[in-house]
Amino acid sequence: MNQATTPIVRNVDARHRYEILVEGERAGFTAYRDRDGQRVFFHTEIDDAFAGRGLASVLVREALSDVRSSGGRIVPVCPYVAKFLKKHEEFADLTDPVTPEILQWLETTLAR
């Protein structure tokens, strides 16, 4: 990958996810659902062809920064997002705990 090529992260609201693009090609995404001012992240995926480049970290950082700028809260159901948050305490102030209630809500929401 050319170092000059900066990955682009965009929120695709209609699909409830942030996508990361490398040279115009979708390299991965982190999926969410919104609930009362909370953005519940539940799945992050980077395509195998783009693995090992640190793209998941770039993607999640940009997604969480977007939530911050919109005044929202983060709920890290996704194991990758939860792991990221442990290493990046700058997002601790907008992180809410994963509760059984949220998990139940997410399951119901995704089943629709």
C-alpha atoms as a PDB file:
ATOM      1  CA  MET A   1       0.000   0.000   0.000  1.00  0.00           C
ATOM      2  CA  ASN A   2       1.307   3.415  -0.946  1.00  0.00           C
ATOM      3  CA  GLN A   3       1.879   5.398   2.269  1.00  0.00           C
ATOM      4  CA  ALA A   4       0.467   8.485   0.571  1.00  0.00           C
ATOM      5  CA  THR A   5      -2.907   6.770   0.290  1.00  0.00           C
ATOM      6  CA  THR A   6      -4.868   7.705   3.366  1.00  0.00           C
ATOM      7  CA  PRO A   7      -7.828   5.460   4.097  1.00  0.00           C
ATOM      8  CA  ILE A   8     -11.180   7.242   4.097  1.00  0.00           C
ATOM      9  CA  VAL A   9     -13.813   6.494   6.734  1.00  0.00           C
ATOM     10  CA  ARG A  10     -17.429   7.387   6.004  1.00  0.00           C
ATOM     11  CA  ASN A  11     -20.677   6.893   7.849  1.00  0.00           C
ATOM     12  CA  VAL A  12     -23.207   5.043   5.691  1.00  0.00           C
ATOM     13  CA  ASP A  13     -26.213   5.850   7.834  1.00  0.00           C
ATOM     14  CA  ALA A  14     -28.713   3.985   5.648  1.00  0.00           C
ATOM     15  CA  ARG A  15     -26.731   0.784   6.253  1.00  0.00           C
ATOM     16  CA  HIS A  16     -26.005   1.537   9.937  1.00  0.00           C
ATOM     17  CA  ARG A  17     -22.271   1.348   9.567  1.00  0.00           C
ATOM     18  CA  TYR A  18     -19.014   3.161   9.044  1.00  0.00           C
ATOM     19  CA  GLU A  19     -16.983   1.944   6.093  1.00  0.00           C
ATOM     20  CA  ILE A  20     -13.268   2.319   5.501  1.00  0.00           C
ATOM     21  CA  LEU A  21     -12.132   2.819   1.910  1.00  0.00           C
ATOM     22  CA  VAL A  22      -8.624   2.236   0.608  1.00  0.00           C
ATOM     23  CA  GLU A  23      -8.022   3.692  -2.859  1.00  0.00           C
ATOM     24  CA  GLY A  24     -11.785   3.783  -3.367  1.00  0.00           C
ATOM     25  CA  GLU A  25     -12.297   0.129  -2.449  1.00  0.00           C
ATOM     26  CA  ARG A  26     -14.276  -0.836   0.663  1.00  0.00           C
ATOM     27  CA  ALA A  27     -11.810  -2.548   2.991  1.00  0.00           C
ATOM     28  CA  GLY A  28     -14.116  -3.103   5.940  1.00  0.00           C
ATOM     29  CA  PHE A  29     -16.796  -1.723   8.214  1.00  0.00           C
ATOM     30  CA  THR A  30     -18.025  -1.379  11.772  1.00  0.00           C
ATOM     31  CA  ALA A  31     -21.766  -1.858  12.231  1.00  0.00           C
ATOM     32  CA  TYR A  32     -24.021  -0.122  14.725  1.00  0.00           C
ATOM     33  CA  ARG A  33     -27.584   0.571  15.754  1.00  0.00           C
ATOM     34  CA  ASP A  34     -28.761   3.752  17.468  1.00  0.00           C
ATOM     35  CA  ARG A  35     -30.716   3.755  20.729  1.00  0.00           C
ATOM     36  CA  ASP A  36     -31.633   6.871  22.738  1.00  0.00           C
ATOM     37  CA  GLY A  37     -28.492   8.850  21.965  1.00  0.00           C
ATOM     38  CA  GLN A  38     -26.304   5.752  22.153  1.00  0.00           C
ATOM     39  CA  ARG A  39     -24.526   4.264  19.158  1.00  0.00           C
ATOM     40  CA  VAL A  40     -24.299   0.532  19.875  1.00  0.00           C
ATOM     41  CA  PHE A  41     -21.367  -0.957  17.938  1.00  0.00           C
ATOM     42  CA  PHE A  42     -21.811  -4.710  17.482  1.00  0.00           C
ATOM     43  CA  HIS A  43     -19.568  -5.921  14.651  1.00  0.00           C
ATOM     44  CA  THR A  44     -16.297  -4.853  13.018  1.00  0.00           C
ATOM     45  CA  GLU A  45     -14.819  -6.559   9.992  1.00  0.00           C
ATOM     46  CA  ILE A  46     -11.812  -5.950   7.730  1.00  0.00           C
ATOM     47  CA  ASP A  47     -11.636  -7.889   4.460  1.00  0.00           C
ATOM     48  CA  ASP A  48      -8.803 -10.447   4.367  1.00  0.00           C
ATOM     49  CA  ALA A  49      -7.169  -8.663   1.417  1.00  0.00           C
ATOM     50  CA  PHE A  50      -6.629  -5.622   3.676  1.00  0.00           C
ATOM     51  CA  ALA A  51      -5.681  -7.428   6.908  1.00  0.00           C
ATOM     52  CA  GLY A  52      -2.592  -6.493   8.910  1.00  0.00           C
ATOM     53  CA  ARG A  53      -2.538  -2.805   7.979  1.00  0.00           C
ATOM     54  CA  GLY A  54      -4.062  -1.384  11.144  1.00  0.00           C
ATOM     55  CA  LEU A  55      -7.227  -0.418   9.293  1.00  0.00           C
ATOM     56  CA  ALA A  56      -9.610  -1.636  12.008  1.00  0.00           C
ATOM     57  CA  SER A  57      -7.972   0.764  14.448  1.00  0.00           C
ATOM     58  CA  VAL A  58      -8.258   3.688  11.997  1.00  0.00           C
ATOM     59  CA  LEU A  59     -11.883   2.770  11.276  1.00  0.00           C
ATOM     60  CA  VAL A  60     -12.930   2.514  14.916  1.00  0.00           C
ATOM     61  CA  ARG A  61     -11.065   5.689  15.940  1.00  0.00           C
ATOM     62  CA  GLU A  62     -12.823   7.685  13.187  1.00  0.00           C
ATOM     63  CA  ALA A  63     -16.220   6.159  14.028  1.00  0.00           C
ATOM     64  CA  LEU A  64     -15.852   6.963  17.734  1.00  0.00           C
ATOM     65  CA  SER A  65     -14.646  10.489  16.925  1.00  0.00           C
ATOM     66  CA  ASP A  66     -17.773  10.952  14.798  1.00  0.00           C
ATOM     67  CA  VAL A  67     -19.978   9.839  17.703  1.00  0.00           C
ATOM     68  CA  ARG A  68     -18.148  12.318  19.955  1.00  0.00           C
ATOM     69  CA  SER A  69     -18.635  15.201  17.515  1.00  0.00           C
ATOM     70  CA  SER A  70     -22.371  14.465  17.294  1.00  0.00           C
ATOM     71  CA  GLY A  71     -22.690  14.446  21.092  1.00  0.00           C
ATOM     72  CA  GLY A  72     -23.599  10.754  21.275  1.00  0.00           C
ATOM     73  CA  ARG A  73     -22.566   7.892  23.535  1.00  0.00           C
ATOM     74  CA  ILE A  74     -20.801   4.616  22.655  1.00  0.00           C
ATOM     75  CA  VAL A  75     -21.800   1.112  23.714  1.00  0.00           C
ATOM     76  CA  PRO A  76     -19.057  -1.393  22.747  1.00  0.00           C
ATOM     77  CA  VAL A  77     -20.864  -4.715  22.199  1.00  0.00           C
ATOM     78  CA  CYS A  78     -18.337  -5.538  19.448  1.00  0.00           C
ATOM     79  CA  PRO A  79     -15.265  -7.247  20.994  1.00  0.00           C
ATOM     80  CA  TYR A  80     -12.899  -5.272  18.765  1.00  0.00           C
ATOM     81  CA  VAL A  81     -14.426  -1.917  19.767  1.00  0.00           C
ATOM     82  CA  ALA A  82     -14.277  -2.954  23.447  1.00  0.00           C
ATOM     83  CA  LYS A  83     -10.583  -3.892  23.064  1.00  0.00           C
ATOM     84  CA  PHE A  84      -9.861  -0.605  21.268  1.00  0.00           C
ATOM     85  CA  LEU A  85     -11.487   1.371  24.088  1.00  0.00           C
ATOM     86  CA  LYS A  86      -9.291  -0.333  26.711  1.00  0.00           C
ATOM     87  CA  LYS A  87      -6.218   1.024  24.884  1.00  0.00           C
ATOM     88  CA  HIS A  88      -7.679   4.452  24.056  1.00  0.00           C
ATOM     89  CA  GLU A  89      -8.932   6.033  27.246  1.00  0.00           C
ATOM     90  CA  GLU A  90      -9.612   9.330  25.477  1.00  0.00           C
ATOM     91  CA  PHE A  91     -13.042   7.863  24.618  1.00  0.00           C
ATOM     92  CA  ALA A  92     -13.844   6.674  28.179  1.00  0.00           C
ATOM     93  CA  ASP A  93     -15.955   9.758  28.893  1.00  0.00           C
ATOM     94  CA  LEU A  94     -18.493   8.804  26.227  1.00  0.00           C
ATOM     95  CA  THR A  95     -18.558   5.039  26.733  1.00  0.00           C
ATOM     96  CA  ASP A  96     -21.558   3.359  28.372  1.00  0.00           C
ATOM     97  CA  PRO A  97     -21.467  -0.198  29.747  1.00  0.00           C
ATOM     98  CA  VAL A  98     -22.865  -3.154  27.841  1.00  0.00           C
ATOM     99  CA  THR A  99     -25.878  -4.304  29.866  1.00  0.00           C
ATOM    100  CA  PRO A 100     -28.221  -7.309  29.490  1.00  0.00           C
ATOM    101  CA  GLU A 101     -30.952  -4.806  28.567  1.00  0.00           C
ATOM    102  CA  ILE A 102     -28.878  -3.396  25.694  1.00  0.00           C
ATOM    103  CA  LEU A 103     -27.975  -6.898  24.466  1.00  0.00           C
ATOM    104  CA  GLN A 104     -31.669  -7.871  24.491  1.00  0.00           C
ATOM    105  CA  TRP A 105     -32.595  -4.663  22.664  1.00  0.00           C
ATOM    106  CA  LEU A 106     -29.864  -5.264  20.066  1.00  0.00           C
ATOM    107  CA  GLU A 107     -30.958  -8.861  19.483  1.00  0.00           C
ATOM    108  CA  THR A 108     -34.566  -7.710  18.949  1.00  0.00           C
ATOM    109  CA  THR A 109     -33.486  -4.845  16.684  1.00  0.00           C
ATOM    110  CA  LEU A 110     -31.265  -7.051  14.508  1.00  0.00           C
ATOM    111  CA  ALA A 111     -33.963  -9.712  14.193  1.00  0.00           C
ATOM    112  CA  ARG A 112     -36.310  -7.260  12.447  1.00  0.00           C
END
